[in-house]
Amino acid sequence: MGGIVYTIIIGAVIGVLARFFKPGADPMGWILTILLGIAGAYVGSYISGMLGLGGAITGFIVSIICAIVLLFLYEIIRSKTAKR
C-alpha cells in the first residue's frame, strides 16, 4: 500500500514541476497532473536505465523532462480534438 501512495506523491511532484517549467497555460486538473507525472516518472526511469545513467537525481531530472514532453504531446492531441 505504501508503494501506491509513494507513486502518487512522486507523480504529483514531477507533474507539478513539469507544468512549472513548461511555458504557457495548461488547462488540466490535478488528477491529470498526477497521471502525467507518474507516466513521466516511468518513462524517465526506463530511459535513464537504458542509457546507463545511475543515481536518483539524474533519474528525477530525466523524469521531469519526459513529463514535459508528455505535456507537449497532450496539448497537441487536445488541440487536434478540439478543432473538430
N, C-alpha and C. Protein backbone atom coordinates (compact mmCIF):
# COMPACT_ATOMS: atom_id res chain seq x y z
N MET A 1 0.82 -1.20 0.00
CA MET A 1 0.00 0.00 0.00
C MET A 1 0.86 1.25 0.00
N GLY A 2 1.99 1.19 0.68
CA GLY A 2 2.88 2.35 0.73
C GLY A 2 3.46 2.68 -0.62
N GLY A 3 3.65 1.66 -1.46
CA GLY A 3 4.20 1.89 -2.80
C GLY A 3 3.26 2.70 -3.68
N ILE A 4 1.98 2.47 -3.53
CA ILE A 4 0.99 3.21 -4.32
C ILE A 4 0.97 4.68 -3.89
N VAL A 5 0.99 4.91 -2.59
CA VAL A 5 0.99 6.28 -2.08
C VAL A 5 2.26 7.00 -2.51
N TYR A 6 3.40 6.31 -2.43
CA TYR A 6 4.67 6.89 -2.85
C TYR A 6 4.64 7.25 -4.34
N THR A 7 4.08 6.36 -5.16
CA THR A 7 3.98 6.61 -6.60
C THR A 7 3.11 7.84 -6.86
N ILE A 8 2.00 7.98 -6.15
CA ILE A 8 1.12 9.13 -6.34
C ILE A 8 1.82 10.42 -5.93
N ILE A 9 2.54 10.38 -4.81
CA ILE A 9 3.23 11.59 -4.35
C ILE A 9 4.33 12.00 -5.31
N ILE A 10 5.16 11.05 -5.74
CA ILE A 10 6.23 11.37 -6.70
C ILE A 10 5.64 11.82 -8.03
N GLY A 11 4.56 11.18 -8.46
CA GLY A 11 3.90 11.60 -9.70
C GLY A 11 3.37 13.02 -9.62
N ALA A 12 2.83 13.38 -8.45
CA ALA A 12 2.33 14.74 -8.26
C ALA A 12 3.47 15.75 -8.31
N VAL A 13 4.57 15.43 -7.66
CA VAL A 13 5.72 16.35 -7.65
C VAL A 13 6.29 16.52 -9.05
N ILE A 14 6.47 15.43 -9.76
CA ILE A 14 7.02 15.51 -11.13
C ILE A 14 6.04 16.23 -12.05
N GLY A 15 4.75 15.96 -11.94
CA GLY A 15 3.75 16.63 -12.77
C GLY A 15 3.70 18.13 -12.52
N VAL A 16 3.75 18.53 -11.26
CA VAL A 16 3.73 19.96 -10.93
C VAL A 16 4.99 20.64 -11.43
N LEU A 17 6.14 20.00 -11.26
CA LEU A 17 7.39 20.60 -11.76
C LEU A 17 7.40 20.70 -13.28
N ALA A 18 6.85 19.69 -13.97
CA ALA A 18 6.78 19.75 -15.43
C ALA A 18 5.90 20.89 -15.88
N ARG A 19 4.76 21.08 -15.21
CA ARG A 19 3.88 22.19 -15.57
C ARG A 19 4.51 23.54 -15.23
N PHE A 20 5.34 23.57 -14.20
CA PHE A 20 6.02 24.81 -13.81
C PHE A 20 7.07 25.19 -14.83
N PHE A 21 7.85 24.23 -15.31
CA PHE A 21 8.95 24.52 -16.23
C PHE A 21 8.50 24.73 -17.67
N LYS A 22 7.33 24.17 -18.05
CA LYS A 22 6.84 24.35 -19.41
C LYS A 22 6.08 25.66 -19.50
N PRO A 23 6.45 26.49 -20.46
CA PRO A 23 5.75 27.78 -20.59
C PRO A 23 4.33 27.61 -21.12
N GLY A 24 3.50 28.56 -20.78
CA GLY A 24 2.12 28.56 -21.27
C GLY A 24 1.14 28.01 -20.26
N ALA A 25 -0.12 28.23 -20.54
CA ALA A 25 -1.19 27.76 -19.66
C ALA A 25 -1.51 26.31 -19.97
N ASP A 26 -1.73 25.54 -18.93
CA ASP A 26 -2.08 24.13 -19.08
C ASP A 26 -3.44 23.89 -18.43
N PRO A 27 -4.50 23.82 -19.22
CA PRO A 27 -5.83 23.66 -18.64
C PRO A 27 -6.13 22.20 -18.28
N MET A 28 -5.52 21.72 -17.21
CA MET A 28 -5.80 20.36 -16.76
C MET A 28 -5.90 20.35 -15.24
N GLY A 29 -6.60 19.40 -14.74
CA GLY A 29 -6.81 19.31 -13.29
C GLY A 29 -5.67 18.60 -12.59
N TRP A 30 -5.82 18.44 -11.29
CA TRP A 30 -4.74 17.86 -10.50
C TRP A 30 -4.62 16.35 -10.71
N ILE A 31 -5.72 15.66 -11.03
CA ILE A 31 -5.65 14.22 -11.29
C ILE A 31 -4.86 13.95 -12.56
N LEU A 32 -5.12 14.72 -13.60
CA LEU A 32 -4.38 14.56 -14.84
C LEU A 32 -2.92 14.95 -14.65
N THR A 33 -2.64 15.93 -13.81
CA THR A 33 -1.26 16.31 -13.50
C THR A 33 -0.53 15.16 -12.82
N ILE A 34 -1.19 14.49 -11.88
CA ILE A 34 -0.57 13.35 -11.21
C ILE A 34 -0.33 12.21 -12.18
N LEU A 35 -1.31 11.92 -13.05
CA LEU A 35 -1.14 10.86 -14.04
C LEU A 35 -0.01 11.18 -15.01
N LEU A 36 0.10 12.43 -15.41
CA LEU A 36 1.18 12.88 -16.27
C LEU A 36 2.53 12.68 -15.58
N GLY A 37 2.61 13.02 -14.30
CA GLY A 37 3.84 12.85 -13.54
C GLY A 37 4.22 11.39 -13.37
N ILE A 38 3.23 10.54 -13.11
CA ILE A 38 3.50 9.11 -12.97
C ILE A 38 4.01 8.53 -14.29
N ALA A 39 3.36 8.89 -15.39
CA ALA A 39 3.81 8.41 -16.70
C ALA A 39 5.21 8.93 -17.01
N GLY A 40 5.48 10.18 -16.70
CA GLY A 40 6.81 10.75 -16.92
C GLY A 40 7.86 10.06 -16.08
N ALA A 41 7.50 9.69 -14.86
CA ALA A 41 8.44 9.00 -13.98
C ALA A 41 8.77 7.61 -14.51
N TYR A 42 7.75 6.89 -14.98
CA TYR A 42 8.01 5.56 -15.52
C TYR A 42 8.82 5.61 -16.80
N VAL A 43 8.47 6.50 -17.70
CA VAL A 43 9.22 6.63 -18.96
C VAL A 43 10.64 7.12 -18.68
N GLY A 44 10.77 8.08 -17.77
CA GLY A 44 12.08 8.61 -17.43
C GLY A 44 12.99 7.58 -16.78
N SER A 45 12.43 6.76 -15.90
CA SER A 45 13.26 5.72 -15.27
C SER A 45 13.67 4.66 -16.29
N TYR A 46 12.79 4.36 -17.23
CA TYR A 46 13.13 3.40 -18.29
C TYR A 46 14.24 3.94 -19.18
N ILE A 47 14.11 5.20 -19.58
CA ILE A 47 15.12 5.79 -20.46
C ILE A 47 16.46 5.95 -19.75
N SER A 48 16.45 6.40 -18.51
CA SER A 48 17.71 6.56 -17.79
C SER A 48 18.36 5.21 -17.53
N GLY A 49 17.58 4.16 -17.35
CA GLY A 49 18.14 2.82 -17.22
C GLY A 49 18.75 2.33 -18.51
N MET A 50 18.09 2.63 -19.63
CA MET A 50 18.63 2.22 -20.94
C MET A 50 19.93 2.94 -21.26
N LEU A 51 20.02 4.20 -20.86
CA LEU A 51 21.23 4.97 -21.14
C LEU A 51 22.34 4.73 -20.12
N GLY A 52 22.04 3.99 -19.08
CA GLY A 52 23.03 3.70 -18.06
C GLY A 52 23.31 4.86 -17.12
N LEU A 53 22.36 5.76 -17.00
CA LEU A 53 22.52 6.89 -16.10
C LEU A 53 22.08 6.47 -14.71
N GLY A 54 23.01 6.41 -13.79
CA GLY A 54 22.69 5.98 -12.43
C GLY A 54 22.43 7.17 -11.54
N GLY A 55 21.82 6.93 -10.43
CA GLY A 55 21.60 7.98 -9.45
C GLY A 55 20.16 8.45 -9.43
N ALA A 56 19.74 8.83 -8.25
CA ALA A 56 18.36 9.26 -8.07
C ALA A 56 18.11 10.64 -8.66
N ILE A 57 19.09 11.53 -8.53
CA ILE A 57 18.92 12.90 -9.04
C ILE A 57 18.81 12.88 -10.56
N THR A 58 19.66 12.10 -11.21
CA THR A 58 19.62 12.03 -12.68
C THR A 58 18.30 11.44 -13.15
N GLY A 59 17.83 10.40 -12.50
CA GLY A 59 16.54 9.81 -12.86
C GLY A 59 15.39 10.76 -12.65
N PHE A 60 15.46 11.56 -11.59
CA PHE A 60 14.42 12.54 -11.31
C PHE A 60 14.39 13.61 -12.39
N ILE A 61 15.56 14.09 -12.81
CA ILE A 61 15.64 15.11 -13.86
C ILE A 61 15.13 14.56 -15.18
N VAL A 62 15.53 13.34 -15.52
CA VAL A 62 15.05 12.73 -16.77
C VAL A 62 13.54 12.52 -16.70
N SER A 63 13.01 12.18 -15.54
CA SER A 63 11.57 12.00 -15.38
C SER A 63 10.82 13.31 -15.61
N ILE A 64 11.36 14.41 -15.12
CA ILE A 64 10.72 15.71 -15.34
C ILE A 64 10.75 16.07 -16.82
N ILE A 65 11.87 15.82 -17.48
CA ILE A 65 11.98 16.11 -18.91
C ILE A 65 10.97 15.27 -19.69
N CYS A 66 10.84 14.00 -19.34
CA CYS A 66 9.86 13.14 -20.02
C CYS A 66 8.43 13.62 -19.76
N ALA A 67 8.15 14.08 -18.56
CA ALA A 67 6.82 14.61 -18.26
C ALA A 67 6.53 15.88 -19.06
N ILE A 68 7.54 16.71 -19.28
CA ILE A 68 7.36 17.91 -20.10
C ILE A 68 7.05 17.51 -21.53
N VAL A 69 7.76 16.50 -22.05
CA VAL A 69 7.49 16.02 -23.41
C VAL A 69 6.07 15.46 -23.49
N LEU A 70 5.65 14.70 -22.49
CA LEU A 70 4.29 14.18 -22.47
C LEU A 70 3.25 15.30 -22.38
N LEU A 71 3.59 16.37 -21.70
CA LEU A 71 2.69 17.52 -21.61
C LEU A 71 2.54 18.18 -22.97
N PHE A 72 3.63 18.32 -23.72
CA PHE A 72 3.53 18.85 -25.08
C PHE A 72 2.68 17.94 -25.96
N LEU A 73 2.87 16.63 -25.85
CA LEU A 73 2.07 15.69 -26.64
C LEU A 73 0.59 15.77 -26.26
N TYR A 74 0.30 15.92 -24.98
CA TYR A 74 -1.08 16.07 -24.54
C TYR A 74 -1.72 17.31 -25.15
N GLU A 75 -0.98 18.41 -25.18
CA GLU A 75 -1.52 19.65 -25.76
C GLU A 75 -1.75 19.51 -27.26
N ILE A 76 -0.87 18.80 -27.96
CA ILE A 76 -1.05 18.59 -29.40
C ILE A 76 -2.30 17.76 -29.66
N ILE A 77 -2.46 16.68 -28.91
CA ILE A 77 -3.62 15.83 -29.07
C ILE A 77 -4.90 16.56 -28.71
N ARG A 78 -4.86 17.32 -27.64
CA ARG A 78 -6.05 18.07 -27.21
C ARG A 78 -6.44 19.14 -28.23
N SER A 79 -5.46 19.82 -28.82
CA SER A 79 -5.79 20.87 -29.80
C SER A 79 -6.36 20.26 -31.07
N LYS A 80 -5.91 19.07 -31.45
CA LYS A 80 -6.45 18.42 -32.65
C LYS A 80 -7.88 17.97 -32.43
N THR A 81 -8.20 17.46 -31.25
CA THR A 81 -9.56 17.01 -31.00
C THR A 81 -10.50 18.18 -30.75
N ALA A 82 -9.98 19.32 -30.29
CA ALA A 82 -10.83 20.48 -30.03
C ALA A 82 -11.24 21.18 -31.33
N LYS A 83 -10.44 21.04 -32.37
CA LYS A 83 -10.73 21.72 -33.65
C LYS A 83 -11.79 21.00 -34.45
N ARG A 84 -12.11 19.78 -34.11
CA ARG A 84 -13.08 19.02 -34.90
C ARG A 84 -14.48 19.48 -34.66
